[in-house]
Every structure is written in structure tokens, then in C-alpha cells.
Amino acid sequence: MERFPLVTPSNCNCHLSIVWNLLRVQELTGEEGGSFEVLLGLIERTQSDCTAVLRCDTCRQVRFSLVLITLVSGILVEQLEACCNGIGLCQNSEPSTAASSSGLKASLGDYELDDADSRLLARELIGLRMRQFSEVMVLLQNAITEVQSMNKSDDLLQDSKTGLVCLESIKVHGDRLSTLLQTLGSQNLNL
């Protein structure tokens, strides 16, 4: 197998789950921010699928797989930011009218949590998902760095450029994810 080939060899199809996730994330960006529950579920599935691809000895060396994960990761971080701002979980953000009208409601059986408890639960759930997804970003960065270190010949220069672009995207989105996690962790929800 050539190093950092463009497409996945036919004997491995685990990258197809990332294509599905990318399509679903793109659908979500077209919706009015998507729902909180849908976003949490999509992050969980994407995190699981990306981790599987990044642990696959074949797919972690394929440019297409790594670029797909980079794309879906960047879009998900942007969706997380929009969601947190939309439901008023970030400092200096008020819930959007859509979030206020639909309400961020949670219930325990017949008991419905009040707004403060619902926001606290939302903050904890989204923080958990972000921490888990940041592990994907680290695995992705390691995979790209590993592949780049194997590619030294001039004919693979294009792959090196792709790797650099992916690494820059990972850094930018990883920093945004870290900032968002710090904001959520340090915020007083006026309980």
C-alpha cells in the first residue's frame, strides 16, 4: 500500500460511517441550528465512528479518511458553539428566541426540570460530549503527524500540503473547543 493514498483500499469500508456523519452534520447546519438532543446524539455517533476509523490501521493512513474526519470535526465544533450560544450556555449570550420558545426542557418521569436545572443539565451533557470529542481531535492530529513523518519524497508533496491544512484546521477548531469547554466550566448559571 502506498503511503497516504488518496482513497481507502477496497478491503476496508469503515470510512463510510464518516461520510454518513458528514452528510448528517451538513443537514443539521441547514436546519435552524438543529435541536440540542439531535446534536448531542450526532456528536456521540461521530465521536465513536471517528475513533474507530482512527484506530483502523488501514484508514488512519488514508488521506480521504483523515480529510473527512477533519471536515466533520470542524463543522461539529462550529455547531457546538452555535448551540451553546443559542441556548444561552456561553458567557454574554442569551438564549435565542427559538431556544426560548421551544425551551430547553428536561424531565425525570412526571417531574419537569425548571429552566435553571435544565440549563445545568445541558451544560454538563454538552461538556461531556465536548471532552470526549476533543479526544478525537488528538487522535486525528496524531494520525496526520504520523502519516506526514512517513512521507518524505517529492511526489508526495501534495499530500504533505493536505496534511498541513488539516493540522491547521485541527488546531483552530481544537482551540475553539478548548475555549468553549473553559467557558462552560467557569460559568456561573445563577443557580
N, C-alpha and C. Protein backbone atom coordinates (compact mmCIF):
# COMPACT_ATOMS: atom_id res chain seq x y z
N MET A 1 0.85 -1.18 0.00
CA MET A 1 0.00 0.00 0.00
C MET A 1 0.89 1.24 0.00
N GLU A 2 0.61 2.20 -0.90
CA GLU A 2 1.39 3.43 -0.92
C GLU A 2 1.09 4.23 0.34
N ARG A 3 2.02 5.05 0.73
CA ARG A 3 1.84 5.84 1.94
C ARG A 3 0.93 7.02 1.65
N PHE A 4 -0.04 7.22 2.52
CA PHE A 4 -1.01 8.31 2.44
C PHE A 4 -1.73 8.33 1.09
N PRO A 5 -2.30 7.18 0.69
CA PRO A 5 -3.02 7.13 -0.58
C PRO A 5 -4.28 7.98 -0.52
N LEU A 6 -4.77 8.35 -1.70
CA LEU A 6 -5.92 9.23 -1.80
C LEU A 6 -7.21 8.55 -1.32
N VAL A 7 -7.41 7.32 -1.71
CA VAL A 7 -8.66 6.65 -1.38
C VAL A 7 -8.40 5.41 -0.53
N THR A 8 -9.44 4.98 0.15
CA THR A 8 -9.35 3.81 1.01
C THR A 8 -9.31 2.55 0.15
N PRO A 9 -8.45 1.61 0.47
CA PRO A 9 -8.45 0.33 -0.25
C PRO A 9 -9.81 -0.34 -0.12
N SER A 10 -10.14 -1.14 -1.11
CA SER A 10 -11.48 -1.74 -1.14
C SER A 10 -11.74 -2.74 -0.02
N ASN A 11 -10.70 -3.18 0.67
CA ASN A 11 -10.92 -4.16 1.73
C ASN A 11 -11.34 -3.53 3.06
N CYS A 12 -11.48 -2.20 3.13
CA CYS A 12 -11.88 -1.55 4.36
C CYS A 12 -12.91 -0.45 4.04
N ASN A 13 -14.01 -0.50 4.74
CA ASN A 13 -15.07 0.47 4.47
C ASN A 13 -15.48 1.26 5.71
N CYS A 14 -14.66 1.27 6.74
CA CYS A 14 -15.08 1.95 7.96
C CYS A 14 -15.18 3.47 7.77
N HIS A 15 -14.54 4.00 6.72
CA HIS A 15 -14.65 5.43 6.47
C HIS A 15 -16.06 5.84 6.00
N LEU A 16 -16.85 4.87 5.54
CA LEU A 16 -18.20 5.20 5.06
C LEU A 16 -19.08 5.77 6.17
N SER A 17 -18.83 5.37 7.40
CA SER A 17 -19.61 5.93 8.51
C SER A 17 -19.32 7.43 8.66
N ILE A 18 -18.10 7.85 8.35
CA ILE A 18 -17.75 9.27 8.44
C ILE A 18 -18.47 10.04 7.33
N VAL A 19 -18.62 9.43 6.17
CA VAL A 19 -19.37 10.08 5.09
C VAL A 19 -20.81 10.30 5.55
N TRP A 20 -21.43 9.28 6.17
CA TRP A 20 -22.80 9.43 6.68
C TRP A 20 -22.85 10.57 7.70
N ASN A 21 -21.89 10.60 8.62
CA ASN A 21 -21.86 11.65 9.64
C ASN A 21 -21.71 13.03 9.01
N LEU A 22 -20.86 13.14 8.00
CA LEU A 22 -20.67 14.42 7.33
C LEU A 22 -21.97 14.87 6.68
N LEU A 23 -22.66 13.95 6.03
CA LEU A 23 -23.95 14.29 5.43
C LEU A 23 -24.96 14.74 6.48
N ARG A 24 -25.01 14.04 7.58
CA ARG A 24 -25.96 14.38 8.65
C ARG A 24 -25.62 15.73 9.29
N VAL A 25 -24.32 16.00 9.48
CA VAL A 25 -23.91 17.28 10.04
C VAL A 25 -24.26 18.40 9.07
N GLN A 26 -24.08 18.15 7.78
CA GLN A 26 -24.45 19.16 6.78
C GLN A 26 -25.95 19.43 6.81
N GLU A 27 -26.76 18.39 6.99
CA GLU A 27 -28.21 18.57 7.13
C GLU A 27 -28.52 19.44 8.35
N LEU A 28 -27.82 19.16 9.43
CA LEU A 28 -28.05 19.89 10.67
C LEU A 28 -27.70 21.36 10.53
N THR A 29 -26.66 21.68 9.77
CA THR A 29 -26.29 23.08 9.59
C THR A 29 -27.33 23.81 8.76
N GLY A 30 -28.06 23.08 7.91
CA GLY A 30 -29.10 23.71 7.12
C GLY A 30 -30.35 24.01 7.93
N GLU A 31 -30.56 23.25 9.00
CA GLU A 31 -31.71 23.48 9.87
C GLU A 31 -31.43 24.69 10.74
N GLU A 32 -32.41 25.19 11.42
CA GLU A 32 -32.25 26.34 12.31
C GLU A 32 -31.46 25.92 13.54
N GLY A 33 -30.14 25.65 13.33
CA GLY A 33 -29.29 25.26 14.44
C GLY A 33 -29.50 23.83 14.89
N GLY A 34 -30.54 23.16 14.43
CA GLY A 34 -30.80 21.80 14.86
C GLY A 34 -31.22 21.76 16.32
N SER A 35 -31.70 20.64 16.75
CA SER A 35 -32.11 20.55 18.14
C SER A 35 -30.93 20.09 18.99
N PHE A 36 -30.99 20.45 20.24
CA PHE A 36 -29.95 20.11 21.20
C PHE A 36 -29.77 18.60 21.27
N GLU A 37 -30.86 17.86 21.36
CA GLU A 37 -30.80 16.41 21.50
C GLU A 37 -30.21 15.77 20.26
N VAL A 38 -30.60 16.26 19.08
CA VAL A 38 -30.07 15.71 17.83
C VAL A 38 -28.57 15.95 17.75
N LEU A 39 -28.14 17.15 18.12
CA LEU A 39 -26.72 17.48 18.08
C LEU A 39 -25.93 16.58 19.05
N LEU A 40 -26.43 16.39 20.26
CA LEU A 40 -25.72 15.52 21.21
C LEU A 40 -25.60 14.09 20.67
N GLY A 41 -26.68 13.58 20.10
CA GLY A 41 -26.65 12.24 19.52
C GLY A 41 -25.68 12.13 18.35
N LEU A 42 -25.66 13.15 17.53
CA LEU A 42 -24.77 13.15 16.38
C LEU A 42 -23.30 13.25 16.80
N ILE A 43 -23.04 14.03 17.82
CA ILE A 43 -21.67 14.13 18.34
C ILE A 43 -21.22 12.77 18.87
N GLU A 44 -22.11 12.10 19.61
CA GLU A 44 -21.76 10.79 20.16
C GLU A 44 -21.46 9.79 19.05
N ARG A 45 -22.31 9.74 18.04
CA ARG A 45 -22.09 8.80 16.94
C ARG A 45 -20.82 9.15 16.16
N THR A 46 -20.63 10.43 15.90
CA THR A 46 -19.46 10.86 15.14
C THR A 46 -18.19 10.55 15.92
N GLN A 47 -18.21 10.80 17.22
CA GLN A 47 -17.04 10.52 18.05
C GLN A 47 -16.71 9.03 17.99
N SER A 48 -17.70 8.19 18.10
CA SER A 48 -17.50 6.75 18.05
C SER A 48 -16.97 6.30 16.69
N ASP A 49 -17.58 6.80 15.61
CA ASP A 49 -17.17 6.41 14.27
C ASP A 49 -15.77 6.93 13.92
N CYS A 50 -15.48 8.17 14.30
CA CYS A 50 -14.16 8.74 14.04
C CYS A 50 -13.08 7.98 14.79
N THR A 51 -13.37 7.63 16.03
CA THR A 51 -12.41 6.87 16.82
C THR A 51 -12.13 5.52 16.17
N ALA A 52 -13.17 4.86 15.67
CA ALA A 52 -13.00 3.56 15.00
C ALA A 52 -12.11 3.71 13.76
N VAL A 53 -12.36 4.74 12.97
CA VAL A 53 -11.55 4.96 11.76
C VAL A 53 -10.10 5.27 12.13
N LEU A 54 -9.92 6.11 13.16
CA LEU A 54 -8.57 6.50 13.55
C LEU A 54 -7.79 5.37 14.22
N ARG A 55 -8.48 4.34 14.65
CA ARG A 55 -7.80 3.18 15.23
C ARG A 55 -7.64 2.05 14.20
N CYS A 56 -8.23 2.23 13.04
CA CYS A 56 -8.09 1.26 11.95
C CYS A 56 -6.72 1.47 11.29
N ASP A 57 -5.89 0.43 11.27
CA ASP A 57 -4.55 0.56 10.72
C ASP A 57 -4.56 0.97 9.25
N THR A 58 -5.58 0.58 8.52
CA THR A 58 -5.67 0.93 7.11
C THR A 58 -6.15 2.36 6.93
N CYS A 59 -7.28 2.70 7.53
CA CYS A 59 -7.91 4.01 7.28
C CYS A 59 -7.14 5.19 7.87
N ARG A 60 -6.42 4.97 8.94
CA ARG A 60 -5.70 6.08 9.56
C ARG A 60 -4.53 6.55 8.71
N GLN A 61 -4.23 5.81 7.63
CA GLN A 61 -3.14 6.20 6.74
C GLN A 61 -3.66 6.70 5.39
N VAL A 62 -4.96 6.93 5.28
CA VAL A 62 -5.56 7.31 4.01
C VAL A 62 -6.02 8.76 4.07
N ARG A 63 -5.57 9.56 3.12
CA ARG A 63 -5.89 10.98 3.09
C ARG A 63 -7.39 11.23 3.12
N PHE A 64 -8.15 10.49 2.33
CA PHE A 64 -9.60 10.70 2.26
C PHE A 64 -10.24 10.56 3.63
N SER A 65 -9.88 9.53 4.37
CA SER A 65 -10.45 9.32 5.71
C SER A 65 -10.09 10.47 6.65
N LEU A 66 -8.83 10.88 6.63
CA LEU A 66 -8.38 11.94 7.53
C LEU A 66 -8.99 13.29 7.18
N VAL A 67 -9.14 13.55 5.89
CA VAL A 67 -9.77 14.81 5.47
C VAL A 67 -11.25 14.81 5.87
N LEU A 68 -11.93 13.67 5.69
CA LEU A 68 -13.33 13.58 6.11
C LEU A 68 -13.49 13.87 7.60
N ILE A 69 -12.64 13.26 8.40
CA ILE A 69 -12.73 13.48 9.85
C ILE A 69 -12.42 14.93 10.20
N THR A 70 -11.45 15.52 9.51
CA THR A 70 -11.14 16.93 9.74
C THR A 70 -12.34 17.80 9.41
N LEU A 71 -12.99 17.54 8.29
CA LEU A 71 -14.17 18.32 7.90
C LEU A 71 -15.31 18.19 8.90
N VAL A 72 -15.66 16.96 9.24
CA VAL A 72 -16.79 16.75 10.14
C VAL A 72 -16.48 17.31 11.53
N SER A 73 -15.22 17.23 11.95
CA SER A 73 -14.83 17.77 13.26
C SER A 73 -15.00 19.28 13.30
N GLY A 74 -14.53 19.95 12.25
CA GLY A 74 -14.66 21.40 12.20
C GLY A 74 -16.10 21.87 12.21
N ILE A 75 -16.92 21.20 11.44
CA ILE A 75 -18.34 21.58 11.37
C ILE A 75 -19.02 21.33 12.71
N LEU A 76 -18.70 20.21 13.36
CA LEU A 76 -19.30 19.92 14.66
C LEU A 76 -18.90 20.92 15.73
N VAL A 77 -17.65 21.35 15.72
CA VAL A 77 -17.22 22.37 16.69
C VAL A 77 -18.02 23.66 16.46
N GLU A 78 -18.19 24.03 15.21
CA GLU A 78 -18.99 25.22 14.91
C GLU A 78 -20.43 25.06 15.36
N GLN A 79 -20.99 23.86 15.17
CA GLN A 79 -22.36 23.59 15.62
C GLN A 79 -22.46 23.64 17.15
N LEU A 80 -21.45 23.12 17.83
CA LEU A 80 -21.44 23.18 19.29
C LEU A 80 -21.44 24.62 19.78
N GLU A 81 -20.62 25.45 19.17
CA GLU A 81 -20.59 26.87 19.54
C GLU A 81 -21.95 27.51 19.31
N ALA A 82 -22.54 27.26 18.15
CA ALA A 82 -23.84 27.84 17.83
C ALA A 82 -24.90 27.36 18.81
N CYS A 83 -24.86 26.08 19.16
CA CYS A 83 -25.83 25.51 20.09
C CYS A 83 -25.69 26.15 21.46
N CYS A 84 -24.45 26.24 21.95
CA CYS A 84 -24.22 26.83 23.27
C CYS A 84 -24.65 28.29 23.31
N ASN A 85 -24.36 29.02 22.25
CA ASN A 85 -24.81 30.41 22.18
C ASN A 85 -26.33 30.48 22.06
N GLY A 86 -26.90 29.57 21.27
CA GLY A 86 -28.35 29.58 21.03
C GLY A 86 -29.18 29.29 22.26
N ILE A 87 -28.66 28.48 23.17
CA ILE A 87 -29.44 28.16 24.38
C ILE A 87 -28.91 28.92 25.59
N GLY A 88 -28.01 29.87 25.33
CA GLY A 88 -27.55 30.75 26.40
C GLY A 88 -26.59 30.13 27.38
N LEU A 89 -25.80 29.13 26.94
CA LEU A 89 -24.85 28.49 27.85
C LEU A 89 -23.50 29.20 27.90
N CYS A 90 -23.23 30.07 26.94
CA CYS A 90 -21.95 30.78 26.92
C CYS A 90 -22.09 32.13 27.59
N GLN A 91 -20.98 32.61 28.15
CA GLN A 91 -21.00 33.92 28.78
C GLN A 91 -21.41 34.96 27.74
N ASN A 92 -22.12 35.95 28.18
CA ASN A 92 -22.58 37.05 27.33
C ASN A 92 -23.52 36.59 26.22
N SER A 93 -24.15 35.44 26.37
CA SER A 93 -25.13 35.02 25.37
C SER A 93 -26.45 34.77 26.06
N GLU A 94 -27.47 35.22 25.42
CA GLU A 94 -28.82 34.97 25.88
C GLU A 94 -29.43 33.91 24.99
N PRO A 95 -30.32 33.11 25.51
CA PRO A 95 -30.96 32.12 24.65
C PRO A 95 -31.66 32.80 23.48
N SER A 96 -31.55 32.19 22.30
CA SER A 96 -32.24 32.73 21.13
C SER A 96 -33.74 32.58 21.33
N THR A 97 -34.49 33.30 20.50
CA THR A 97 -35.94 33.19 20.61
C THR A 97 -36.40 31.77 20.30
N ALA A 98 -35.71 31.11 19.38
CA ALA A 98 -36.08 29.72 19.07
C ALA A 98 -35.86 28.83 20.29
N ALA A 99 -34.74 29.02 20.97
CA ALA A 99 -34.46 28.21 22.16
C ALA A 99 -35.41 28.56 23.28
N SER A 100 -35.76 29.84 23.39
CA SER A 100 -36.68 30.25 24.45
C SER A 100 -38.08 29.71 24.21
N SER A 101 -38.51 29.75 22.95
CA SER A 101 -39.87 29.30 22.66
C SER A 101 -40.00 27.78 22.78
N SER A 102 -38.97 27.06 22.28
CA SER A 102 -39.04 25.61 22.41
C SER A 102 -38.66 25.19 23.81
N GLY A 103 -37.90 26.04 24.48
CA GLY A 103 -37.46 25.76 25.83
C GLY A 103 -36.50 24.59 25.86
N LEU A 104 -35.52 24.70 26.68
CA LEU A 104 -34.60 23.59 26.88
C LEU A 104 -35.17 22.83 28.06
N LYS A 105 -36.07 21.93 27.79
CA LYS A 105 -36.80 21.24 28.84
C LYS A 105 -36.28 19.83 29.02
N ALA A 106 -36.20 19.43 30.25
CA ALA A 106 -35.82 18.06 30.59
C ALA A 106 -36.77 17.59 31.68
N SER A 107 -37.01 16.31 31.68
CA SER A 107 -37.91 15.79 32.71
C SER A 107 -37.35 14.49 33.28
N LEU A 108 -37.76 14.24 34.50
CA LEU A 108 -37.46 12.99 35.18
C LEU A 108 -38.80 12.35 35.49
N GLY A 109 -39.20 11.47 34.61
CA GLY A 109 -40.54 10.90 34.76
C GLY A 109 -41.59 11.97 34.58
N ASP A 110 -42.46 12.13 35.58
CA ASP A 110 -43.50 13.14 35.51
C ASP A 110 -43.01 14.51 35.94
N TYR A 111 -41.83 14.57 36.54
CA TYR A 111 -41.30 15.84 37.04
C TYR A 111 -40.50 16.54 35.95
N GLU A 112 -40.89 17.77 35.62
CA GLU A 112 -40.17 18.54 34.61
C GLU A 112 -39.21 19.51 35.31
N LEU A 113 -37.96 19.45 34.90
CA LEU A 113 -36.95 20.32 35.50
C LEU A 113 -37.23 21.78 35.15
N ASP A 114 -36.90 22.66 36.07
CA ASP A 114 -37.07 24.09 35.78
C ASP A 114 -35.93 24.55 34.85
N ASP A 115 -36.01 25.79 34.39
CA ASP A 115 -35.03 26.30 33.43
C ASP A 115 -33.60 26.22 33.95
N ALA A 116 -33.37 26.59 35.20
CA ALA A 116 -32.02 26.58 35.76
C ALA A 116 -31.45 25.16 35.79
N ASP A 117 -32.26 24.20 36.22
CA ASP A 117 -31.79 22.81 36.26
C ASP A 117 -31.60 22.25 34.85
N SER A 118 -32.47 22.63 33.93
CA SER A 118 -32.34 22.19 32.54
C SER A 118 -31.06 22.73 31.93
N ARG A 119 -30.74 23.98 32.19
CA ARG A 119 -29.51 24.58 31.66
C ARG A 119 -28.28 23.91 32.27
N LEU A 120 -28.34 23.62 33.56
CA LEU A 120 -27.22 22.94 34.21
C LEU A 120 -27.00 21.56 33.60
N LEU A 121 -28.09 20.83 33.42
CA LEU A 121 -28.00 19.51 32.80
C LEU A 121 -27.45 19.62 31.37
N ALA A 122 -27.94 20.59 30.62
CA ALA A 122 -27.46 20.80 29.25
C ALA A 122 -25.98 21.11 29.24
N ARG A 123 -25.54 21.97 30.15
CA ARG A 123 -24.13 22.33 30.23
C ARG A 123 -23.27 21.11 30.53
N GLU A 124 -23.72 20.27 31.44
CA GLU A 124 -22.95 19.08 31.79
C GLU A 124 -22.92 18.08 30.63
N LEU A 125 -24.05 17.89 29.97
CA LEU A 125 -24.11 16.94 28.85
C LEU A 125 -23.23 17.40 27.69
N ILE A 126 -23.33 18.67 27.35
CA ILE A 126 -22.55 19.16 26.22
C ILE A 126 -21.07 19.22 26.57
N GLY A 127 -20.75 19.51 27.83
CA GLY A 127 -19.36 19.49 28.26
C GLY A 127 -18.77 18.10 28.16
N LEU A 128 -19.54 17.09 28.57
CA LEU A 128 -19.10 15.70 28.48
C LEU A 128 -18.82 15.32 27.03
N ARG A 129 -19.74 15.65 26.14
CA ARG A 129 -19.57 15.33 24.72
C ARG A 129 -18.36 16.06 24.14
N MET A 130 -18.14 17.31 24.54
CA MET A 130 -17.00 18.07 24.03
C MET A 130 -15.68 17.47 24.50
N ARG A 131 -15.63 17.06 25.75
CA ARG A 131 -14.40 16.44 26.27
C ARG A 131 -14.12 15.14 25.52
N GLN A 132 -15.15 14.36 25.27
CA GLN A 132 -14.97 13.12 24.53
C GLN A 132 -14.55 13.40 23.09
N PHE A 133 -15.14 14.43 22.49
CA PHE A 133 -14.81 14.72 21.10
C PHE A 133 -13.41 15.32 20.97
N SER A 134 -12.94 15.99 22.01
CA SER A 134 -11.57 16.53 21.95
C SER A 134 -10.56 15.40 21.86
N GLU A 135 -10.91 14.22 22.36
CA GLU A 135 -10.03 13.05 22.21
C GLU A 135 -9.89 12.66 20.74
N VAL A 136 -10.97 12.81 19.98
CA VAL A 136 -10.92 12.53 18.54
C VAL A 136 -9.95 13.49 17.87
N MET A 137 -9.99 14.76 18.27
CA MET A 137 -9.10 15.76 17.69
C MET A 137 -7.64 15.39 17.94
N VAL A 138 -7.34 14.88 19.13
CA VAL A 138 -5.97 14.47 19.46
C VAL A 138 -5.56 13.26 18.62
N LEU A 139 -6.45 12.27 18.51
CA LEU A 139 -6.16 11.09 17.68
C LEU A 139 -5.94 11.49 16.23
N LEU A 140 -6.76 12.40 15.73
CA LEU A 140 -6.65 12.86 14.35
C LEU A 140 -5.31 13.58 14.13
N GLN A 141 -4.98 14.46 15.03
CA GLN A 141 -3.71 15.17 14.92
C GLN A 141 -2.53 14.19 14.94
N ASN A 142 -2.58 13.22 15.82
CA ASN A 142 -1.52 12.21 15.88
C ASN A 142 -1.43 11.40 14.60
N ALA A 143 -2.58 11.02 14.03
CA ALA A 143 -2.59 10.23 12.80
C ALA A 143 -1.99 11.02 11.64
N ILE A 144 -2.37 12.29 11.51
CA ILE A 144 -1.84 13.11 10.42
C ILE A 144 -0.34 13.34 10.59
N THR A 145 0.08 13.61 11.80
CA THR A 145 1.50 13.82 12.06
C THR A 145 2.29 12.56 11.75
N GLU A 146 1.76 11.41 12.13
CA GLU A 146 2.41 10.14 11.86
C GLU A 146 2.55 9.89 10.36
N VAL A 147 1.47 10.15 9.63
CA VAL A 147 1.49 9.94 8.19
C VAL A 147 2.46 10.91 7.52
N GLN A 148 2.46 12.15 7.97
CA GLN A 148 3.38 13.13 7.39
C GLN A 148 4.82 12.72 7.62
N SER A 149 5.13 12.18 8.76
CA SER A 149 6.51 11.79 9.05
C SER A 149 6.96 10.64 8.15
N MET A 150 6.03 9.85 7.63
CA MET A 150 6.37 8.74 6.73
C MET A 150 6.58 9.24 5.30
N ASN A 151 6.03 10.39 4.94
CA ASN A 151 6.07 10.91 3.57
C ASN A 151 7.20 11.92 3.42
N LYS A 152 8.30 11.49 2.83
CA LYS A 152 9.44 12.38 2.66
C LYS A 152 9.75 12.65 1.19
N SER A 153 9.21 11.86 0.27
CA SER A 153 9.58 12.03 -1.13
C SER A 153 8.82 13.18 -1.78
N ASP A 154 9.42 13.74 -2.85
CA ASP A 154 8.85 14.91 -3.54
C ASP A 154 7.49 14.63 -4.17
N ASP A 155 7.26 13.40 -4.64
CA ASP A 155 5.99 13.10 -5.30
C ASP A 155 4.82 13.10 -4.33
N LEU A 156 5.08 13.12 -3.04
CA LEU A 156 4.01 13.16 -2.05
C LEU A 156 3.84 14.55 -1.45
N LEU A 157 4.42 15.57 -2.13
CA LEU A 157 4.35 16.93 -1.62
C LEU A 157 2.90 17.40 -1.46
N GLN A 158 2.05 17.04 -2.40
CA GLN A 158 0.65 17.44 -2.31
C GLN A 158 0.01 16.87 -1.05
N ASP A 159 0.32 15.61 -0.72
CA ASP A 159 -0.22 15.00 0.49
C ASP A 159 0.26 15.76 1.72
N SER A 160 1.51 16.21 1.68
CA SER A 160 2.05 16.97 2.79
C SER A 160 1.28 18.27 2.98
N LYS A 161 0.95 18.94 1.87
CA LYS A 161 0.18 20.18 1.95
C LYS A 161 -1.21 19.91 2.52
N THR A 162 -1.81 18.82 2.08
CA THR A 162 -3.13 18.45 2.62
C THR A 162 -3.02 18.22 4.12
N GLY A 163 -1.97 17.53 4.53
CA GLY A 163 -1.76 17.29 5.95
C GLY A 163 -1.60 18.57 6.74
N LEU A 164 -0.85 19.52 6.17
CA LEU A 164 -0.66 20.81 6.85
C LEU A 164 -1.97 21.57 7.00
N VAL A 165 -2.78 21.55 5.95
CA VAL A 165 -4.09 22.23 6.01
C VAL A 165 -4.97 21.56 7.06
N CYS A 166 -4.96 20.24 7.10
CA CYS A 166 -5.75 19.52 8.11
C CYS A 166 -5.25 19.84 9.51
N LEU A 167 -3.93 19.85 9.70
CA LEU A 167 -3.39 20.16 11.01
C LEU A 167 -3.76 21.56 11.47
N GLU A 168 -3.73 22.52 10.54
CA GLU A 168 -4.11 23.89 10.89
C GLU A 168 -5.59 23.95 11.29
N SER A 169 -6.44 23.25 10.54
CA SER A 169 -7.86 23.21 10.88
C SER A 169 -8.08 22.57 12.25
N ILE A 170 -7.36 21.50 12.52
CA ILE A 170 -7.49 20.82 13.81
C ILE A 170 -7.06 21.76 14.94
N LYS A 171 -5.98 22.49 14.73
CA LYS A 171 -5.51 23.43 15.75
C LYS A 171 -6.55 24.51 16.02
N VAL A 172 -7.07 25.11 14.96
CA VAL A 172 -8.05 26.18 15.11
C VAL A 172 -9.31 25.66 15.82
N HIS A 173 -9.84 24.54 15.36
CA HIS A 173 -11.07 24.01 15.95
C HIS A 173 -10.82 23.42 17.33
N GLY A 174 -9.64 22.86 17.54
CA GLY A 174 -9.30 22.37 18.87
C GLY A 174 -9.21 23.50 19.88
N ASP A 175 -8.63 24.63 19.45
CA ASP A 175 -8.57 25.81 20.32
C ASP A 175 -9.97 26.33 20.63
N ARG A 176 -10.83 26.36 19.61
CA ARG A 176 -12.21 26.81 19.83
C ARG A 176 -12.95 25.88 20.79
N LEU A 177 -12.72 24.59 20.66
CA LEU A 177 -13.34 23.62 21.54
C LEU A 177 -12.84 23.79 22.97
N SER A 178 -11.55 24.01 23.13
CA SER A 178 -10.98 24.24 24.47
C SER A 178 -11.54 25.49 25.11
N THR A 179 -11.64 26.56 24.32
CA THR A 179 -12.20 27.81 24.83
C THR A 179 -13.64 27.62 25.26
N LEU A 180 -14.40 26.91 24.45
CA LEU A 180 -15.80 26.65 24.78
C LEU A 180 -15.91 25.81 26.05
N LEU A 181 -15.06 24.81 26.20
CA LEU A 181 -15.06 24.00 27.42
C LEU A 181 -14.71 24.83 28.64
N GLN A 182 -13.73 25.71 28.51
CA GLN A 182 -13.36 26.59 29.62
C GLN A 182 -14.50 27.52 29.97
N THR A 183 -15.16 28.05 28.96
CA THR A 183 -16.29 28.95 29.20
C THR A 183 -17.40 28.22 29.94
N LEU A 184 -17.72 27.03 29.51
CA LEU A 184 -18.78 26.26 30.16
C LEU A 184 -18.37 25.89 31.58
N GLY A 185 -17.11 25.54 31.77
CA GLY A 185 -16.64 25.12 33.08
C GLY A 185 -16.56 26.24 34.10
N SER A 186 -16.33 27.47 33.62
CA SER A 186 -16.15 28.58 34.55
C SER A 186 -17.41 29.40 34.74
N GLN A 187 -18.45 29.05 34.02
CA GLN A 187 -19.66 29.88 34.05
C GLN A 187 -20.52 29.59 35.26
N ASN A 188 -21.00 30.65 35.86
CA ASN A 188 -21.97 30.56 36.95
C ASN A 188 -23.34 30.72 36.32
N LEU A 189 -24.17 29.73 36.48
CA LEU A 189 -25.50 29.77 35.87
C LEU A 189 -26.55 30.42 36.76
N ASN A 190 -26.10 31.15 37.76
CA ASN A 190 -27.03 31.84 38.67
C ASN A 190 -28.05 30.91 39.27
N LEU A 191 -27.56 29.84 39.83
CA LEU A 191 -28.46 28.88 40.47
C LEU A 191 -28.75 29.38 41.84
